[in-house]
Amino acid sequence: LFGAFQRLHSPQEFEGSGVGLAIVQRIVNRHSGRVWAKGAL
């Protein structure tokens, strides 16, 4: 989820570059925090 340009959905389903969550993880790490996700299809 948090890798740069990693996408779990095709561009035809949902648009995007796959960098947004990588930016979130980088910002949280800079604050000495951690980020994780839970979900189901």
All heavy atoms as atom14 arrays in JSON, in Angstrom:
{
  "sequence": "LFGAFQRLHSPQEFEGSGVGLAIVQRIVNRHSGRVWAKGAL",
  "atom14_mask": [
    [1, 1, 1, 1, 1, 1, 1, 1, 0, 0, 0, 0, 0, 0],
    [1, 1, 1, 1, 1, 1, 1, 1, 1, 1, 1, 0, 0, 0],
    [1, 1, 1, 1, 0, 0, 0, 0, 0, 0, 0, 0, 0, 0],
    [1, 1, 1, 1, 1, 0, 0, 0, 0, 0, 0, 0, 0, 0],
    [1, 1, 1, 1, 1, 1, 1, 1, 1, 1, 1, 0, 0, 0],
    [1, 1, 1, 1, 1, 1, 1, 1, 1, 0, 0, 0, 0, 0],
    [1, 1, 1, 1, 1, 1, 1, 1, 1, 1, 1, 0, 0, 0],
    [1, 1, 1, 1, 1, 1, 1, 1, 0, 0, 0, 0, 0, 0],
    [1, 1, 1, 1, 1, 1, 1, 1, 1, 1, 0, 0, 0, 0],
    [1, 1, 1, 1, 1, 1, 0, 0, 0, 0, 0, 0, 0, 0],
    [1, 1, 1, 1, 1, 1, 1, 0, 0, 0, 0, 0, 0, 0],
    [1, 1, 1, 1, 1, 1, 1, 1, 1, 0, 0, 0, 0, 0],
    [1, 1, 1, 1, 1, 1, 1, 1, 1, 0, 0, 0, 0, 0],
    [1, 1, 1, 1, 1, 1, 1, 1, 1, 1, 1, 0, 0, 0],
    [1, 1, 1, 1, 1, 1, 1, 1, 1, 0, 0, 0, 0, 0],
    [1, 1, 1, 1, 0, 0, 0, 0, 0, 0, 0, 0, 0, 0],
    [1, 1, 1, 1, 1, 1, 0, 0, 0, 0, 0, 0, 0, 0],
    [1, 1, 1, 1, 0, 0, 0, 0, 0, 0, 0, 0, 0, 0],
    [1, 1, 1, 1, 1, 1, 1, 0, 0, 0, 0, 0, 0, 0],
    [1, 1, 1, 1, 0, 0, 0, 0, 0, 0, 0, 0, 0, 0],
    [1, 1, 1, 1, 1, 1, 1, 1, 0, 0, 0, 0, 0, 0],
    [1, 1, 1, 1, 1, 0, 0, 0, 0, 0, 0, 0, 0, 0],
    [1, 1, 1, 1, 1, 1, 1, 1, 0, 0, 0, 0, 0, 0],
    [1, 1, 1, 1, 1, 1, 1, 0, 0, 0, 0, 0, 0, 0],
    [1, 1, 1, 1, 1, 1, 1, 1, 1, 0, 0, 0, 0, 0],
    [1, 1, 1, 1, 1, 1, 1, 1, 1, 1, 1, 0, 0, 0],
    [1, 1, 1, 1, 1, 1, 1, 1, 0, 0, 0, 0, 0, 0],
    [1, 1, 1, 1, 1, 1, 1, 0, 0, 0, 0, 0, 0, 0],
    [1, 1, 1, 1, 1, 1, 1, 1, 0, 0, 0, 0, 0, 0],
    [1, 1, 1, 1, 1, 1, 1, 1, 1, 1, 1, 0, 0, 0],
    [1, 1, 1, 1, 1, 1, 1, 1, 1, 1, 0, 0, 0, 0],
    [1, 1, 1, 1, 1, 1, 0, 0, 0, 0, 0, 0, 0, 0],
    [1, 1, 1, 1, 0, 0, 0, 0, 0, 0, 0, 0, 0, 0],
    [1, 1, 1, 1, 1, 1, 1, 1, 1, 1, 1, 0, 0, 0],
    [1, 1, 1, 1, 1, 1, 1, 0, 0, 0, 0, 0, 0, 0],
    [1, 1, 1, 1, 1, 1, 1, 1, 1, 1, 1, 1, 1, 1],
    [1, 1, 1, 1, 1, 0, 0, 0, 0, 0, 0, 0, 0, 0],
    [1, 1, 1, 1, 1, 1, 1, 1, 1, 0, 0, 0, 0, 0],
    [1, 1, 1, 1, 0, 0, 0, 0, 0, 0, 0, 0, 0, 0],
    [1, 1, 1, 1, 1, 0, 0, 0, 0, 0, 0, 0, 0, 0],
    [1, 1, 1, 1, 1, 1, 1, 1, 0, 0, 0, 0, 0, 0]
  ],
  "atom14_positions": [
    [[0.82, -1.22, 0.0], [0.0, 0.0, 0.0], [0.85, 1.27, 0.0], [0.54, 2.24, -0.7], [-0.93, 0.01, 1.23], [-2.23, -0.78, 1.13], [-2.94, -0.75, 2.46], [-3.13, -0.19, 0.05], [0.0, 0.0, 0.0], [0.0, 0.0, 0.0], [0.0, 0.0, 0.0], [0.0, 0.0, 0.0], [0.0, 0.0, 0.0], [0.0, 0.0, 0.0]],
    [[1.93, 1.28, 0.81], [2.66, 2.51, 1.04], [3.93, 2.6, 0.19], [4.79, 3.44, 0.44], [3.01, 2.64, 2.52], [1.8, 2.66, 3.41], [1.38, 1.51, 4.07], [1.05, 3.81, 3.55], [0.27, 1.51, 4.87], [-0.08, 3.83, 4.36], [-0.48, 2.68, 5.01], [0.0, 0.0, 0.0], [0.0, 0.0, 0.0], [0.0, 0.0, 0.0]],
    [[4.09, 1.7, -0.8], [5.21, 1.8, -1.73], [4.92, 2.79, -2.84], [3.77, 2.94, -3.29], [0.0, 0.0, 0.0], [0.0, 0.0, 0.0], [0.0, 0.0, 0.0], [0.0, 0.0, 0.0], [0.0, 0.0, 0.0], [0.0, 0.0, 0.0], [0.0, 0.0, 0.0], [0.0, 0.0, 0.0], [0.0, 0.0, 0.0], [0.0, 0.0, 0.0]],
    [[5.96, 3.48, -3.31], [5.77, 4.47, -4.38], [5.35, 3.76, -5.67], [5.94, 2.73, -6.05], [7.05, 5.27, -4.6], [0.0, 0.0, 0.0], [0.0, 0.0, 0.0], [0.0, 0.0, 0.0], [0.0, 0.0, 0.0], [0.0, 0.0, 0.0], [0.0, 0.0, 0.0], [0.0, 0.0, 0.0], [0.0, 0.0, 0.0], [0.0, 0.0, 0.0]],
    [[4.33, 4.28, -6.31], [3.8, 3.78, -7.58], [3.21, 2.37, -7.47], [3.1, 1.67, -8.47], [4.88, 3.81, -8.68], [5.55, 5.14, -8.82], [6.88, 5.31, -8.47], [4.84, 6.25, -9.28], [7.5, 6.53, -8.58], [5.47, 7.48, -9.4], [6.79, 7.63, -9.05], [0.0, 0.0, 0.0], [0.0, 0.0, 0.0], [0.0, 0.0, 0.0]],
    [[2.87, 1.97, -6.24], [2.22, 0.67, -6.05], [0.7, 0.89, -6.05], [0.19, 1.7, -5.28], [2.66, 0.04, -4.72], [4.13, -0.3, -4.64], [4.49, -1.47, -5.52], [3.64, -2.31, -5.84], [5.74, -1.54, -5.97], [0.0, 0.0, 0.0], [0.0, 0.0, 0.0], [0.0, 0.0, 0.0], [0.0, 0.0, 0.0], [0.0, 0.0, 0.0]],
    [[-0.01, 0.17, -6.9], [-1.45, 0.33, -7.0], [-2.12, -1.03, -6.84], [-1.65, -2.04, -7.4], [-1.84, 0.92, -8.37], [-1.31, 2.32, -8.62], [-1.69, 2.79, -10.01], [-3.1, 2.68, -10.28], [-4.02, 3.59, -9.96], [-3.65, 4.7, -9.38], [-5.29, 3.39, -10.22], [0.0, 0.0, 0.0], [0.0, 0.0, 0.0], [0.0, 0.0, 0.0]],
    [[-3.22, -1.08, -6.07], [-3.99, -2.31, -5.9], [-5.23, -2.32, -6.78], [-5.97, -3.3, -6.8], [-4.38, -2.49, -4.43], [-3.22, -2.57, -3.42], [-3.76, -2.86, -2.02], [-2.21, -3.61, -3.83], [0.0, 0.0, 0.0], [0.0, 0.0, 0.0], [0.0, 0.0, 0.0], [0.0, 0.0, 0.0], [0.0, 0.0, 0.0], [0.0, 0.0, 0.0]],
    [[-5.5, -1.2, -7.46], [-6.64, -1.11, -8.37], [-6.14, -0.57, -9.72], [-5.23, 0.28, -9.76], [-7.73, -0.18, -7.81], [-8.29, -0.64, -6.5], [-9.3, -1.56, -6.4], [-7.96, -0.3, -5.24], [-9.58, -1.76, -5.14], [-8.77, -1.02, -4.4], [0.0, 0.0, 0.0], [0.0, 0.0, 0.0], [0.0, 0.0, 0.0], [0.0, 0.0, 0.0]],
    [[-6.74, -1.0, -10.81], [-6.31, -0.58, -12.14], [-6.71, 0.88, -12.38], [-7.67, 1.39, -11.77], [-6.96, -1.47, -13.2], [-8.38, -1.3, -13.19], [0.0, 0.0, 0.0], [0.0, 0.0, 0.0], [0.0, 0.0, 0.0], [0.0, 0.0, 0.0], [0.0, 0.0, 0.0], [0.0, 0.0, 0.0], [0.0, 0.0, 0.0], [0.0, 0.0, 0.0]],
    [[-5.97, 1.58, -13.28], [-6.33, 2.99, -13.59], [-7.72, 3.12, -14.16], [-8.35, 4.17, -14.05], [-5.25, 3.4, -14.61], [-4.11, 2.46, -14.37], [-4.72, 1.16, -13.96], [0.0, 0.0, 0.0], [0.0, 0.0, 0.0], [0.0, 0.0, 0.0], [0.0, 0.0, 0.0], [0.0, 0.0, 0.0], [0.0, 0.0, 0.0], [0.0, 0.0, 0.0]],
    [[-8.24, 2.06, -14.83], [-9.6, 2.14, -15.38], [-10.63, 2.2, -14.26], [-11.7, 2.8, -14.41], [-9.87, 0.93, -16.29], [-9.11, 0.96, -17.6], [-7.64, 0.61, -17.44], [-7.27, 0.0, -16.44], [-6.81, 1.01, -18.41], [0.0, 0.0, 0.0], [0.0, 0.0, 0.0], [0.0, 0.0, 0.0], [0.0, 0.0, 0.0], [0.0, 0.0, 0.0]],
    [[-10.32, 1.54, -13.1], [-11.26, 1.57, -11.97], [-11.17, 2.9, -11.22], [-12.18, 3.57, -11.01], [-10.95, 0.42, -11.01], [-11.3, -0.95, -11.53], [-11.05, -2.02, -10.49], [-9.87, -2.28, -10.19], [-12.04, -2.55, -9.96], [0.0, 0.0, 0.0], [0.0, 0.0, 0.0], [0.0, 0.0, 0.0], [0.0, 0.0, 0.0], [0.0, 0.0, 0.0]],
    [[-9.95, 3.24, -10.81], [-9.74, 4.48, -10.04], [-8.46, 5.11, -10.53], [-7.4, 4.45, -10.59], [-9.64, 4.19, -8.53], [-10.87, 3.56, -7.95], [-10.91, 2.18, -7.74], [-11.97, 4.33, -7.61], [-12.04, 1.6, -7.2], [-13.09, 3.74, -7.07], [-13.13, 2.38, -6.87], [0.0, 0.0, 0.0], [0.0, 0.0, 0.0], [0.0, 0.0, 0.0]],
    [[-8.51, 6.41, -10.85], [-7.34, 7.11, -11.36], [-6.38, 7.4, -10.2], [-6.73, 7.33, -9.03], [-7.77, 8.43, -12.01], [-8.47, 9.38, -11.04], [-8.88, 10.67, -11.71], [-8.76, 10.77, -12.95], [-9.33, 11.58, -10.99], [0.0, 0.0, 0.0], [0.0, 0.0, 0.0], [0.0, 0.0, 0.0], [0.0, 0.0, 0.0], [0.0, 0.0, 0.0]],
    [[-5.15, 7.75, -10.55], [-4.16, 8.09, -9.54], [-2.79, 7.61, -9.95], [-2.63, 6.75, -10.83], [0.0, 0.0, 0.0], [0.0, 0.0, 0.0], [0.0, 0.0, 0.0], [0.0, 0.0, 0.0], [0.0, 0.0, 0.0], [0.0, 0.0, 0.0], [0.0, 0.0, 0.0], [0.0, 0.0, 0.0], [0.0, 0.0, 0.0], [0.0, 0.0, 0.0]],
    [[-1.74, 8.18, -9.26], [-0.35, 7.86, -9.6], [0.26, 6.81, -8.69], [1.33, 6.28, -8.97], [0.5, 9.12, -9.55], [0.49, 9.67, -8.23], [0.0, 0.0, 0.0], [0.0, 0.0, 0.0], [0.0, 0.0, 0.0], [0.0, 0.0, 0.0], [0.0, 0.0, 0.0], [0.0, 0.0, 0.0], [0.0, 0.0, 0.0], [0.0, 0.0, 0.0]],
    [[-0.37, 6.51, -7.54], [0.17, 5.52, -6.62], [1.24, 6.08, -5.69], [2.03, 5.32, -5.11], [0.0, 0.0, 0.0], [0.0, 0.0, 0.0], [0.0, 0.0, 0.0], [0.0, 0.0, 0.0], [0.0, 0.0, 0.0], [0.0, 0.0, 0.0], [0.0, 0.0, 0.0], [0.0, 0.0, 0.0], [0.0, 0.0, 0.0], [0.0, 0.0, 0.0]],
    [[1.31, 7.41, -5.56], [2.35, 8.04, -4.72], [1.74, 8.62, -3.44], [2.45, 8.89, -2.48], [3.1, 9.13, -5.52], [4.19, 9.77, -4.69], [3.69, 8.54, -6.77], [0.0, 0.0, 0.0], [0.0, 0.0, 0.0], [0.0, 0.0, 0.0], [0.0, 0.0, 0.0], [0.0, 0.0, 0.0], [0.0, 0.0, 0.0], [0.0, 0.0, 0.0]],
    [[0.43, 8.82, -3.4], [-0.2, 9.51, -2.27], [0.08, 8.85, -0.93], [0.48, 9.51, 0.05], [0.0, 0.0, 0.0], [0.0, 0.0, 0.0], [0.0, 0.0, 0.0], [0.0, 0.0, 0.0], [0.0, 0.0, 0.0], [0.0, 0.0, 0.0], [0.0, 0.0, 0.0], [0.0, 0.0, 0.0], [0.0, 0.0, 0.0], [0.0, 0.0, 0.0]],
    [[-0.11, 7.51, -0.84], [0.12, 6.83, 0.44], [1.6, 6.79, 0.79], [1.97, 6.77, 1.97], [-0.47, 5.42, 0.39], [-1.99, 5.35, 0.34], [-2.47, 3.91, 0.3], [-2.61, 6.05, 1.56], [0.0, 0.0, 0.0], [0.0, 0.0, 0.0], [0.0, 0.0, 0.0], [0.0, 0.0, 0.0], [0.0, 0.0, 0.0], [0.0, 0.0, 0.0]],
    [[2.49, 6.77, -0.24], [3.92, 6.84, 0.04], [4.27, 8.18, 0.68], [5.1, 8.26, 1.6], [4.72, 6.62, -1.24], [0.0, 0.0, 0.0], [0.0, 0.0, 0.0], [0.0, 0.0, 0.0], [0.0, 0.0, 0.0], [0.0, 0.0, 0.0], [0.0, 0.0, 0.0], [0.0, 0.0, 0.0], [0.0, 0.0, 0.0], [0.0, 0.0, 0.0]],
    [[3.63, 9.26, 0.22], [3.84, 10.58, 0.81], [3.33, 10.58, 2.25], [3.98, 11.11, 3.16], [3.12, 11.66, -0.03], [3.81, 11.79, -1.4], [3.09, 12.98, 0.71], [3.11, 12.74, -2.35], [0.0, 0.0, 0.0], [0.0, 0.0, 0.0], [0.0, 0.0, 0.0], [0.0, 0.0, 0.0], [0.0, 0.0, 0.0], [0.0, 0.0, 0.0]],
    [[2.17, 9.95, 2.49], [1.63, 9.89, 3.86], [2.61, 9.17, 4.78], [2.9, 9.63, 5.89], [0.26, 9.16, 3.86], [-0.19, 8.91, 5.29], [-0.77, 10.0, 3.13], [0.0, 0.0, 0.0], [0.0, 0.0, 0.0], [0.0, 0.0, 0.0], [0.0, 0.0, 0.0], [0.0, 0.0, 0.0], [0.0, 0.0, 0.0], [0.0, 0.0, 0.0]],
    [[3.12, 8.03, 4.32], [4.06, 7.28, 5.17], [5.32, 8.08, 5.44], [5.84, 8.09, 6.58], [4.42, 5.95, 4.5], [5.29, 5.05, 5.37], [5.7, 3.79, 4.66], [6.2, 3.86, 3.54], [5.47, 2.65, 5.29], [0.0, 0.0, 0.0], [0.0, 0.0, 0.0], [0.0, 0.0, 0.0], [0.0, 0.0, 0.0], [0.0, 0.0, 0.0]],
    [[5.85, 8.77, 4.4], [7.06, 9.56, 4.59], [6.82, 10.69, 5.62], [7.67, 10.94, 6.48], [7.48, 10.16, 3.24], [8.88, 10.76, 3.23], [9.96, 9.7, 3.33], [9.86, 8.73, 2.26], [10.4, 8.86, 1.04], [11.07, 9.96, 0.77], [10.28, 7.92, 0.15], [0.0, 0.0, 0.0], [0.0, 0.0, 0.0], [0.0, 0.0, 0.0]],
    [[5.66, 11.34, 5.56], [5.36, 12.43, 6.5], [5.22, 11.89, 7.93], [5.76, 12.45, 8.89], [4.08, 13.17, 6.06], [4.34, 13.93, 4.77], [3.61, 14.12, 7.16], [3.09, 14.54, 4.16], [0.0, 0.0, 0.0], [0.0, 0.0, 0.0], [0.0, 0.0, 0.0], [0.0, 0.0, 0.0], [0.0, 0.0, 0.0], [0.0, 0.0, 0.0]],
    [[4.5, 10.77, 8.09], [4.32, 10.19, 9.43], [5.65, 9.73, 10.0], [5.94, 9.92, 11.19], [3.3, 9.03, 9.37], [3.24, 8.32, 10.72], [1.92, 9.55, 9.01], [0.0, 0.0, 0.0], [0.0, 0.0, 0.0], [0.0, 0.0, 0.0], [0.0, 0.0, 0.0], [0.0, 0.0, 0.0], [0.0, 0.0, 0.0], [0.0, 0.0, 0.0]],
    [[6.51, 9.14, 9.15], [7.83, 8.72, 9.62], [8.67, 9.91, 10.06], [9.44, 9.82, 11.03], [8.56, 7.94, 8.52], [7.95, 6.57, 8.29], [7.2, 6.06, 9.13], [8.23, 5.97, 7.15], [0.0, 0.0, 0.0], [0.0, 0.0, 0.0], [0.0, 0.0, 0.0], [0.0, 0.0, 0.0], [0.0, 0.0, 0.0], [0.0, 0.0, 0.0]],
    [[8.55, 11.03, 9.32], [9.3, 12.24, 9.72], [8.85, 12.74, 11.08], [9.59, 13.44, 11.77], [9.1, 13.35, 8.67], [9.75, 13.09, 7.33], [11.27, 13.0, 7.41], [11.88, 14.13, 8.06], [12.16, 15.29, 7.47], [11.86, 15.46, 6.18], [12.75, 16.26, 8.15], [0.0, 0.0, 0.0], [0.0, 0.0, 0.0], [0.0, 0.0, 0.0]],
    [[7.63, 12.4, 11.49], [7.11, 12.78, 12.82], [7.35, 11.68, 13.85], [6.75, 11.71, 14.93], [5.61, 13.08, 12.74], [5.29, 14.39, 12.09], [5.31, 14.56, 10.72], [4.95, 15.6, 12.63], [4.99, 15.81, 10.44], [4.76, 16.47, 11.57], [0.0, 0.0, 0.0], [0.0, 0.0, 0.0], [0.0, 0.0, 0.0], [0.0, 0.0, 0.0]],
    [[8.19, 10.69, 13.52], [8.51, 9.56, 14.43], [7.27, 8.73, 14.75], [7.17, 8.14, 15.82], [9.14, 10.08, 15.74], [10.32, 10.79, 15.48], [0.0, 0.0, 0.0], [0.0, 0.0, 0.0], [0.0, 0.0, 0.0], [0.0, 0.0, 0.0], [0.0, 0.0, 0.0], [0.0, 0.0, 0.0], [0.0, 0.0, 0.0], [0.0, 0.0, 0.0]],
    [[6.31, 8.7, 13.83], [5.11, 7.9, 14.03], [5.09, 6.7, 13.1], [6.1, 6.35, 12.46], [0.0, 0.0, 0.0], [0.0, 0.0, 0.0], [0.0, 0.0, 0.0], [0.0, 0.0, 0.0], [0.0, 0.0, 0.0], [0.0, 0.0, 0.0], [0.0, 0.0, 0.0], [0.0, 0.0, 0.0], [0.0, 0.0, 0.0], [0.0, 0.0, 0.0]],
    [[3.96, 6.05, 13.03], [3.81, 4.93, 12.11], [2.4, 4.96, 11.52], [1.48, 5.53, 12.1], [4.05, 3.59, 12.81], [3.02, 3.21, 13.85], [3.47, 1.95, 14.6], [2.44, 1.49, 15.54], [1.58, 0.51, 15.28], [1.62, -0.11, 14.11], [0.69, 0.12, 16.18], [0.0, 0.0, 0.0], [0.0, 0.0, 0.0], [0.0, 0.0, 0.0]],
    [[2.25, 4.35, 10.35], [0.97, 4.33, 9.65], [0.72, 2.91, 9.18], [1.65, 2.2, 8.77], [0.97, 5.33, 8.47], [2.06, 5.01, 7.47], [-0.39, 5.35, 7.78], [0.0, 0.0, 0.0], [0.0, 0.0, 0.0], [0.0, 0.0, 0.0], [0.0, 0.0, 0.0], [0.0, 0.0, 0.0], [0.0, 0.0, 0.0], [0.0, 0.0, 0.0]],
    [[-0.52, 2.46, 9.29], [-0.91, 1.13, 8.83], [-2.38, 1.16, 8.43], [-3.09, 2.13, 8.71], [-0.65, 0.07, 9.9], [-1.54, 0.14, 11.09], [-2.63, -0.6, 11.34], [-1.4, 1.02, 12.22], [-3.19, -0.27, 12.54], [-2.47, 0.73, 13.1], [-0.5, 2.03, 12.57], [-2.63, 1.39, 14.29], [-0.68, 2.7, 13.77], [-1.74, 2.38, 14.61]],
    [[-2.81, 0.08, 7.79], [-4.18, 0.06, 7.26], [-4.8, -1.31, 7.5], [-4.12, -2.33, 7.59], [-4.19, 0.39, 5.77], [0.0, 0.0, 0.0], [0.0, 0.0, 0.0], [0.0, 0.0, 0.0], [0.0, 0.0, 0.0], [0.0, 0.0, 0.0], [0.0, 0.0, 0.0], [0.0, 0.0, 0.0], [0.0, 0.0, 0.0], [0.0, 0.0, 0.0]],
    [[-6.13, -1.31, 7.61], [-6.92, -2.53, 7.71], [-8.1, -2.39, 6.75], [-8.66, -1.3, 6.62], [-7.44, -2.75, 9.14], [-6.35, -3.02, 10.16], [-6.95, -3.25, 11.54], [-5.86, -3.53, 12.56], [-6.43, -3.75, 13.91], [0.0, 0.0, 0.0], [0.0, 0.0, 0.0], [0.0, 0.0, 0.0], [0.0, 0.0, 0.0], [0.0, 0.0, 0.0]],
    [[-8.47, -3.48, 6.13], [-9.6, -3.4, 5.21], [-9.96, -4.77, 4.65], [-9.32, -5.78, 4.95], [0.0, 0.0, 0.0], [0.0, 0.0, 0.0], [0.0, 0.0, 0.0], [0.0, 0.0, 0.0], [0.0, 0.0, 0.0], [0.0, 0.0, 0.0], [0.0, 0.0, 0.0], [0.0, 0.0, 0.0], [0.0, 0.0, 0.0], [0.0, 0.0, 0.0]],
    [[-10.99, -4.78, 3.85], [-11.42, -5.99, 3.16], [-11.98, -5.57, 1.81], [-12.52, -4.45, 1.66], [-12.47, -6.74, 3.97], [0.0, 0.0, 0.0], [0.0, 0.0, 0.0], [0.0, 0.0, 0.0], [0.0, 0.0, 0.0], [0.0, 0.0, 0.0], [0.0, 0.0, 0.0], [0.0, 0.0, 0.0], [0.0, 0.0, 0.0], [0.0, 0.0, 0.0]],
    [[-11.85, -6.43, 0.83], [-12.27, -6.1, -0.52], [-13.77, -5.81, -0.56], [-14.58, -6.6, -0.04], [-11.92, -7.25, -1.47], [-11.84, -6.9, -2.96], [-10.79, -5.83, -3.2], [-11.52, -8.16, -3.77], [0.0, 0.0, 0.0], [0.0, 0.0, 0.0], [0.0, 0.0, 0.0], [0.0, 0.0, 0.0], [0.0, 0.0, 0.0], [0.0, 0.0, 0.0]]
  ]
}
